[in-house]
Amino acid sequence: MTFFIDLDGPLLDVSDKYHRVYKAVVEELGGVALPKETYWKLKRQKTDLAVILEHSGLPSSTGAVYKTARLERIETPQFLHYDRLQPGAVKTLSKLCGKHDLFLVTLRAFAKVLGHELERLRLTPFFREILSAPGAPQKRHMTKVALIRSLGDVSSDEGIIVGDTETDIAAGKELSLTTVAVLDGIRTRQILEGCRPDYMLETIADLFRHLPDV
């Protein structure tokens, strides 16, 4: 089998990084940051940015400035330092790569910085190739589709995509891959259920209990 695995969410807990970037930008703009638990709940529910900013004491008109400042920080070493491996992620990758081909597919903008992070976390050896590109503003899933198609023909019978957002599931459906959604990432169960993945797991470590032949 061939696995196409998302990084942020299935393999990395990015909640601390996301909150720290949000807090830094909001305070720079003169707002008051929400506690991490409150912010992350809103983020996972896909709450509109204008609502989050208003809860943070900022007018919705600051949205464009916020987005630009966030993008300038989110992939810097200062904040990537707060990414943490999900429990069981390394053990799962170790078991999978012994039998299957693994590809990392992620919407990161800076390949060199990504490479450094993967080396720091000792994830690089598990993957045959690292596929990354910044997500397009519209139809982000098509960026992942293009990355996977760059490998050539992908057998829909043997291909499995693992992710934590609607982007991953939509990409998998576009490619007729088996879609696996994990619930410990950036989207809630309700949102992911609406995407109708083939499998829905609490964590990536549950692959072995729920997918045949893995």
C-alpha atoms as a PDB file:
ATOM      1  CA  MET A   1       0.000   0.000   0.000  1.00  0.00           C
ATOM      2  CA  THR A   2       0.955   3.626  -0.433  1.00  0.00           C
ATOM      3  CA  PHE A   3       0.192   6.084   2.358  1.00  0.00           C
ATOM      4  CA  PHE A   4      -0.030   9.845   1.864  1.00  0.00           C
ATOM      5  CA  ILE A   5       0.154  11.343   5.337  1.00  0.00           C
ATOM      6  CA  ASP A   6      -0.462  14.919   6.433  1.00  0.00           C
ATOM      7  CA  LEU A   7       1.996  16.406   8.923  1.00  0.00           C
ATOM      8  CA  ASP A   8       0.190  18.994  11.066  1.00  0.00           C
ATOM      9  CA  GLY A   9      -2.481  17.186  13.041  1.00  0.00           C
ATOM     10  CA  PRO A  10      -1.981  13.483  12.358  1.00  0.00           C
ATOM     11  CA  LEU A  11       1.719  13.510  13.271  1.00  0.00           C
ATOM     12  CA  LEU A  12       2.215  16.824  15.074  1.00  0.00           C
ATOM     13  CA  ASP A  13       0.237  18.521  17.808  1.00  0.00           C
ATOM     14  CA  VAL A  14       0.320  22.114  16.558  1.00  0.00           C
ATOM     15  CA  SER A  15      -2.117  23.588  19.066  1.00  0.00           C
ATOM     16  CA  ASP A  16       0.549  25.303  21.161  1.00  0.00           C
ATOM     17  CA  LYS A  17       2.240  26.794  18.104  1.00  0.00           C
ATOM     18  CA  TYR A  18      -1.038  28.045  16.682  1.00  0.00           C
ATOM     19  CA  HIS A  19      -2.031  29.676  19.939  1.00  0.00           C
ATOM     20  CA  ARG A  20       1.347  31.310  20.488  1.00  0.00           C
ATOM     21  CA  VAL A  21       1.316  32.799  16.986  1.00  0.00           C
ATOM     22  CA  TYR A  22      -2.265  33.991  17.458  1.00  0.00           C
ATOM     23  CA  LYS A  23      -1.373  35.524  20.845  1.00  0.00           C
ATOM     24  CA  ALA A  24       1.698  37.310  19.494  1.00  0.00           C
ATOM     25  CA  VAL A  25      -0.186  38.857  16.581  1.00  0.00           C
ATOM     26  CA  VAL A  26      -3.298  39.804  18.569  1.00  0.00           C
ATOM     27  CA  GLU A  27      -1.248  41.526  21.249  1.00  0.00           C
ATOM     28  CA  GLU A  28       0.818  43.307  18.610  1.00  0.00           C
ATOM     29  CA  LEU A  29      -2.436  44.674  17.177  1.00  0.00           C
ATOM     30  CA  GLY A  30      -3.575  45.843  20.602  1.00  0.00           C
ATOM     31  CA  GLY A  31      -6.002  43.051  21.446  1.00  0.00           C
ATOM     32  CA  VAL A  32      -6.234  40.614  24.353  1.00  0.00           C
ATOM     33  CA  ALA A  33      -5.570  36.994  23.454  1.00  0.00           C
ATOM     34  CA  LEU A  34      -8.030  34.297  24.443  1.00  0.00           C
ATOM     35  CA  PRO A  35      -6.814  31.400  26.611  1.00  0.00           C
ATOM     36  CA  LYS A  36      -5.435  28.503  24.604  1.00  0.00           C
ATOM     37  CA  GLU A  37      -8.335  26.175  25.379  1.00  0.00           C
ATOM     38  CA  THR A  38     -10.901  28.739  24.205  1.00  0.00           C
ATOM     39  CA  TYR A  39      -8.945  29.676  21.096  1.00  0.00           C
ATOM     40  CA  TRP A  40      -8.308  26.079  20.082  1.00  0.00           C
ATOM     41  CA  LYS A  41     -11.964  25.149  20.501  1.00  0.00           C
ATOM     42  CA  LEU A  42     -12.964  27.996  18.180  1.00  0.00           C
ATOM     43  CA  LYS A  43     -10.226  27.092  15.714  1.00  0.00           C
ATOM     44  CA  ARG A  44     -11.256  23.429  15.575  1.00  0.00           C
ATOM     45  CA  GLN A  45     -14.863  24.446  14.973  1.00  0.00           C
ATOM     46  CA  LYS A  46     -13.682  26.441  11.952  1.00  0.00           C
ATOM     47  CA  THR A  47     -14.964  29.654  13.527  1.00  0.00           C
ATOM     48  CA  ASP A  48     -14.691  32.641  11.223  1.00  0.00           C
ATOM     49  CA  LEU A  49     -11.565  34.716  11.854  1.00  0.00           C
ATOM     50  CA  ALA A  50     -13.635  37.884  12.295  1.00  0.00           C
ATOM     51  CA  VAL A  51     -15.435  36.270  15.232  1.00  0.00           C
ATOM     52  CA  ILE A  52     -12.177  35.177  16.866  1.00  0.00           C
ATOM     53  CA  LEU A  53     -10.749  38.661  16.474  1.00  0.00           C
ATOM     54  CA  GLU A  54     -13.851  40.263  17.942  1.00  0.00           C
ATOM     55  CA  HIS A  55     -13.610  37.925  20.946  1.00  0.00           C
ATOM     56  CA  SER A  56     -10.007  39.127  21.219  1.00  0.00           C
ATOM     57  CA  GLY A  57     -11.011  42.785  21.353  1.00  0.00           C
ATOM     58  CA  LEU A  58     -10.123  43.603  17.750  1.00  0.00           C
ATOM     59  CA  PRO A  59     -12.368  44.843  14.937  1.00  0.00           C
ATOM     60  CA  SER A  60     -13.013  42.440  12.088  1.00  0.00           C
ATOM     61  CA  SER A  61     -11.333  44.990   9.801  1.00  0.00           C
ATOM     62  CA  THR A  62      -7.952  43.863  11.180  1.00  0.00           C
ATOM     63  CA  GLY A  63      -8.419  40.455   9.535  1.00  0.00           C
ATOM     64  CA  ALA A  64      -6.162  41.087   6.542  1.00  0.00           C
ATOM     65  CA  VAL A  65      -3.367  42.500   8.716  1.00  0.00           C
ATOM     66  CA  TYR A  66      -3.724  39.564  11.105  1.00  0.00           C
ATOM     67  CA  LYS A  67      -3.488  37.000   8.299  1.00  0.00           C
ATOM     68  CA  THR A  68      -0.349  38.579   6.867  1.00  0.00           C
ATOM     69  CA  ALA A  69       1.354  38.794  10.270  1.00  0.00           C
ATOM     70  CA  ARG A  70       0.369  35.205  11.080  1.00  0.00           C
ATOM     71  CA  LEU A  71       1.802  33.872   7.826  1.00  0.00           C
ATOM     72  CA  GLU A  72       5.056  35.701   8.508  1.00  0.00           C
ATOM     73  CA  ARG A  73       5.440  33.825  11.802  1.00  0.00           C
ATOM     74  CA  ILE A  74       3.809  30.416  11.512  1.00  0.00           C
ATOM     75  CA  GLU A  75       6.761  28.705   9.807  1.00  0.00           C
ATOM     76  CA  THR A  76       9.604  30.401  11.650  1.00  0.00           C
ATOM     77  CA  PRO A  77      11.921  28.443  13.962  1.00  0.00           C
ATOM     78  CA  GLN A  78      10.759  30.578  16.893  1.00  0.00           C
ATOM     79  CA  PHE A  79       7.292  29.053  16.682  1.00  0.00           C
ATOM     80  CA  LEU A  80       7.972  25.698  15.006  1.00  0.00           C
ATOM     81  CA  HIS A  81       9.846  24.894  18.196  1.00  0.00           C
ATOM     82  CA  TYR A  82       6.453  24.390  19.864  1.00  0.00           C
ATOM     83  CA  ASP A  83       5.306  21.613  17.533  1.00  0.00           C
ATOM     84  CA  ARG A  84       5.093  18.303  19.384  1.00  0.00           C
ATOM     85  CA  LEU A  85       4.844  14.744  18.117  1.00  0.00           C
ATOM     86  CA  GLN A  86       1.448  13.185  18.610  1.00  0.00           C
ATOM     87  CA  PRO A  87       1.431  10.235  21.013  1.00  0.00           C
ATOM     88  CA  GLY A  88       2.068   7.045  19.087  1.00  0.00           C
ATOM     89  CA  ALA A  89       3.022   8.815  15.840  1.00  0.00           C
ATOM     90  CA  VAL A  90       6.604   7.559  15.644  1.00  0.00           C
ATOM     91  CA  LYS A  91       5.663   4.011  16.620  1.00  0.00           C
ATOM     92  CA  THR A  92       2.951   4.006  13.945  1.00  0.00           C
ATOM     93  CA  LEU A  93       5.301   5.279  11.240  1.00  0.00           C
ATOM     94  CA  SER A  94       7.906   2.695  12.249  1.00  0.00           C
ATOM     95  CA  LYS A  95       5.412  -0.128  11.786  1.00  0.00           C
ATOM     96  CA  LEU A  96       3.977   1.242   8.553  1.00  0.00           C
ATOM     97  CA  CYS A  97       7.233   1.936   6.751  1.00  0.00           C
ATOM     98  CA  GLY A  98       8.350  -1.660   7.181  1.00  0.00           C
ATOM     99  CA  LYS A  99       5.530  -2.841   4.908  1.00  0.00           C
ATOM    100  CA  HIS A 100       4.318   0.159   2.901  1.00  0.00           C
ATOM    101  CA  ASP A 101       5.514   3.210   0.981  1.00  0.00           C
ATOM    102  CA  LEU A 102       4.997   6.423   2.944  1.00  0.00           C
ATOM    103  CA  PHE A 103       4.862   9.933   1.507  1.00  0.00           C
ATOM    104  CA  LEU A 104       4.503  13.086   3.579  1.00  0.00           C
ATOM    105  CA  VAL A 105       2.103  15.561   1.936  1.00  0.00           C
ATOM    106  CA  THR A 106       1.876  18.947   3.613  1.00  0.00           C
ATOM    107  CA  LEU A 107       0.913  22.517   2.757  1.00  0.00           C
ATOM    108  CA  ARG A 108       4.038  24.179   4.084  1.00  0.00           C
ATOM    109  CA  ALA A 109       5.453  27.183   2.228  1.00  0.00           C
ATOM    110  CA  PHE A 110       9.164  26.809   3.010  1.00  0.00           C
ATOM    111  CA  ALA A 111      10.703  23.476   2.080  1.00  0.00           C
ATOM    112  CA  LYS A 112      14.082  24.185   3.700  1.00  0.00           C
ATOM    113  CA  VAL A 113      12.540  25.127   7.051  1.00  0.00           C
ATOM    114  CA  LEU A 114      10.275  22.075   6.836  1.00  0.00           C
ATOM    115  CA  GLY A 115      13.303  19.885   6.227  1.00  0.00           C
ATOM    116  CA  HIS A 116      15.004  21.229   9.341  1.00  0.00           C
ATOM    117  CA  GLU A 117      11.912  20.549  11.431  1.00  0.00           C
ATOM    118  CA  LEU A 118      11.562  17.001  10.146  1.00  0.00           C
ATOM    119  CA  GLU A 119      15.225  16.361  10.943  1.00  0.00           C
ATOM    120  CA  ARG A 120      14.786  17.781  14.442  1.00  0.00           C
ATOM    121  CA  LEU A 121      11.821  15.509  15.044  1.00  0.00           C
ATOM    122  CA  ARG A 122      13.583  12.561  13.345  1.00  0.00           C
ATOM    123  CA  LEU A 123      10.724  11.965  10.930  1.00  0.00           C
ATOM    124  CA  THR A 124      12.591  12.163   7.617  1.00  0.00           C
ATOM    125  CA  PRO A 125      13.728   8.506   7.408  1.00  0.00           C
ATOM    126  CA  PHE A 126      10.156   7.194   7.467  1.00  0.00           C
ATOM    127  CA  PHE A 127       9.193   8.746   4.130  1.00  0.00           C
ATOM    128  CA  ARG A 128      10.137   7.928   0.566  1.00  0.00           C
ATOM    129  CA  GLU A 129       9.582  11.559  -0.346  1.00  0.00           C
ATOM    130  CA  ILE A 130       8.487  14.831   1.234  1.00  0.00           C
ATOM    131  CA  LEU A 131       5.843  16.594  -0.855  1.00  0.00           C
ATOM    132  CA  SER A 132       5.179  20.193   0.156  1.00  0.00           C
ATOM    133  CA  ALA A 133       3.849  23.426  -1.304  1.00  0.00           C
ATOM    134  CA  PRO A 134       1.968  26.465  -0.002  1.00  0.00           C
ATOM    135  CA  GLY A 135      -1.776  25.954  -0.144  1.00  0.00           C
ATOM    136  CA  ALA A 136      -3.668  27.887  -2.802  1.00  0.00           C
ATOM    137  CA  PRO A 137      -6.103  30.459  -1.356  1.00  0.00           C
ATOM    138  CA  GLN A 138      -8.974  28.700  -3.122  1.00  0.00           C
ATOM    139  CA  LYS A 139      -9.418  24.930  -3.353  1.00  0.00           C
ATOM    140  CA  ARG A 140      -6.500  24.110  -1.081  1.00  0.00           C
ATOM    141  CA  HIS A 141      -7.131  20.422  -1.619  1.00  0.00           C
ATOM    142  CA  MET A 142      -6.101  20.748  -5.260  1.00  0.00           C
ATOM    143  CA  THR A 143      -2.593  21.680  -4.146  1.00  0.00           C
ATOM    144  CA  LYS A 144      -2.357  18.307  -2.421  1.00  0.00           C
ATOM    145  CA  VAL A 145      -3.883  16.623  -5.455  1.00  0.00           C
ATOM    146  CA  ALA A 146      -1.180  18.171  -7.652  1.00  0.00           C
ATOM    147  CA  LEU A 147       1.580  17.115  -5.259  1.00  0.00           C
ATOM    148  CA  ILE A 148       0.403  13.515  -5.244  1.00  0.00           C
ATOM    149  CA  ARG A 149      -0.121  13.446  -9.002  1.00  0.00           C
ATOM    150  CA  SER A 150       3.454  14.631  -9.454  1.00  0.00           C
ATOM    151  CA  LEU A 151       4.493  11.118  -8.446  1.00  0.00           C
ATOM    152  CA  GLY A 152       2.761   9.630 -11.486  1.00  0.00           C
ATOM    153  CA  ASP A 153      -0.127   7.205 -11.536  1.00  0.00           C
ATOM    154  CA  VAL A 154      -1.463   6.378  -8.078  1.00  0.00           C
ATOM    155  CA  SER A 155      -3.475   3.194  -7.686  1.00  0.00           C
ATOM    156  CA  SER A 156      -6.789   3.979  -6.027  1.00  0.00           C
ATOM    157  CA  ASP A 157      -6.912   0.387  -4.753  1.00  0.00           C
ATOM    158  CA  GLU A 158      -3.612   0.714  -2.924  1.00  0.00           C
ATOM    159  CA  GLY A 159      -3.551   4.418  -1.996  1.00  0.00           C
ATOM    160  CA  ILE A 160      -4.575   5.740   1.419  1.00  0.00           C
ATOM    161  CA  ILE A 161      -4.568   9.382   2.506  1.00  0.00           C
ATOM    162  CA  VAL A 162      -4.465  10.257   6.200  1.00  0.00           C
ATOM    163  CA  GLY A 163      -5.346  13.743   7.393  1.00  0.00           C
ATOM    164  CA  ASP A 164      -7.220  15.836   9.927  1.00  0.00           C
ATOM    165  CA  THR A 165      -9.047  18.399   7.774  1.00  0.00           C
ATOM    166  CA  GLU A 166     -11.567  18.707   4.993  1.00  0.00           C
ATOM    167  CA  THR A 167      -8.640  19.523   2.683  1.00  0.00           C
ATOM    168  CA  ASP A 168      -7.158  16.058   3.083  1.00  0.00           C
ATOM    169  CA  ILE A 169     -10.457  14.248   2.636  1.00  0.00           C
ATOM    170  CA  ALA A 170     -11.372  16.298  -0.452  1.00  0.00           C
ATOM    171  CA  ALA A 171      -7.952  15.583  -1.982  1.00  0.00           C
ATOM    172  CA  GLY A 172      -8.367  11.878  -1.340  1.00  0.00           C
ATOM    173  CA  LYS A 173     -11.805  11.814  -2.922  1.00  0.00           C
ATOM    174  CA  GLU A 174     -10.518  13.721  -5.960  1.00  0.00           C
ATOM    175  CA  LEU A 175      -7.881  11.009  -6.409  1.00  0.00           C
ATOM    176  CA  SER A 176     -10.243   8.125  -5.516  1.00  0.00           C
ATOM    177  CA  LEU A 177      -8.021   7.150  -2.594  1.00  0.00           C
ATOM    178  CA  THR A 178      -9.156   5.569   0.649  1.00  0.00           C
ATOM    179  CA  THR A 179      -9.651   8.483   3.042  1.00  0.00           C
ATOM    180  CA  VAL A 180      -8.777   8.346   6.741  1.00  0.00           C
ATOM    181  CA  ALA A 181      -9.643  11.232   9.077  1.00  0.00           C
ATOM    182  CA  VAL A 182      -8.037  11.532  12.504  1.00  0.00           C
ATOM    183  CA  LEU A 183      -9.784  13.398  15.288  1.00  0.00           C
ATOM    184  CA  ASP A 184      -6.844  14.727  17.315  1.00  0.00           C
ATOM    185  CA  GLY A 185      -5.984  17.489  14.858  1.00  0.00           C
ATOM    186  CA  ILE A 186      -7.423  20.828  13.810  1.00  0.00           C
ATOM    187  CA  ARG A 187     -11.029  19.862  13.004  1.00  0.00           C
ATOM    188  CA  THR A 188     -13.877  18.565  15.130  1.00  0.00           C
ATOM    189  CA  ARG A 189     -15.648  15.259  14.665  1.00  0.00           C
ATOM    190  CA  GLN A 190     -18.741  17.041  13.376  1.00  0.00           C
ATOM    191  CA  ILE A 191     -16.847  18.783  10.584  1.00  0.00           C
ATOM    192  CA  LEU A 192     -14.999  15.635   9.572  1.00  0.00           C
ATOM    193  CA  GLU A 193     -18.158  13.531   9.617  1.00  0.00           C
ATOM    194  CA  GLY A 194     -19.609  15.984   7.117  1.00  0.00           C
ATOM    195  CA  CYS A 195     -16.714  15.172   4.771  1.00  0.00           C
ATOM    196  CA  ARG A 196     -17.662  11.484   4.831  1.00  0.00           C
ATOM    197  CA  PRO A 197     -14.216   9.882   5.023  1.00  0.00           C
ATOM    198  CA  ASP A 198     -13.957   6.127   4.599  1.00  0.00           C
ATOM    199  CA  TYR A 199     -12.553   5.798   8.107  1.00  0.00           C
ATOM    200  CA  MET A 200     -12.579   8.070  11.132  1.00  0.00           C
ATOM    201  CA  LEU A 201     -10.019   7.363  13.857  1.00  0.00           C
ATOM    202  CA  GLU A 202      -9.187   8.976  17.175  1.00  0.00           C
ATOM    203  CA  THR A 203      -5.469   9.014  16.310  1.00  0.00           C
ATOM    204  CA  ILE A 204      -3.170   7.732  13.590  1.00  0.00           C
ATOM    205  CA  ALA A 205      -2.158   4.919  15.940  1.00  0.00           C
ATOM    206  CA  ASP A 206      -5.639   3.418  15.455  1.00  0.00           C
ATOM    207  CA  LEU A 207      -4.858   2.530  11.829  1.00  0.00           C
ATOM    208  CA  PHE A 208      -3.889  -1.004  12.753  1.00  0.00           C
ATOM    209  CA  ARG A 209      -7.177  -1.684  14.543  1.00  0.00           C
ATOM    210  CA  HIS A 210      -9.479  -0.324  11.881  1.00  0.00           C
ATOM    211  CA  LEU A 211      -7.918  -0.850   8.456  1.00  0.00           C
ATOM    212  CA  PRO A 212      -7.638  -4.365   7.057  1.00  0.00           C
ATOM    213  CA  ASP A 213      -4.248  -5.562   5.834  1.00  0.00           C
ATOM    214  CA  VAL A 214      -2.313  -2.710   7.432  1.00  0.00           C
END
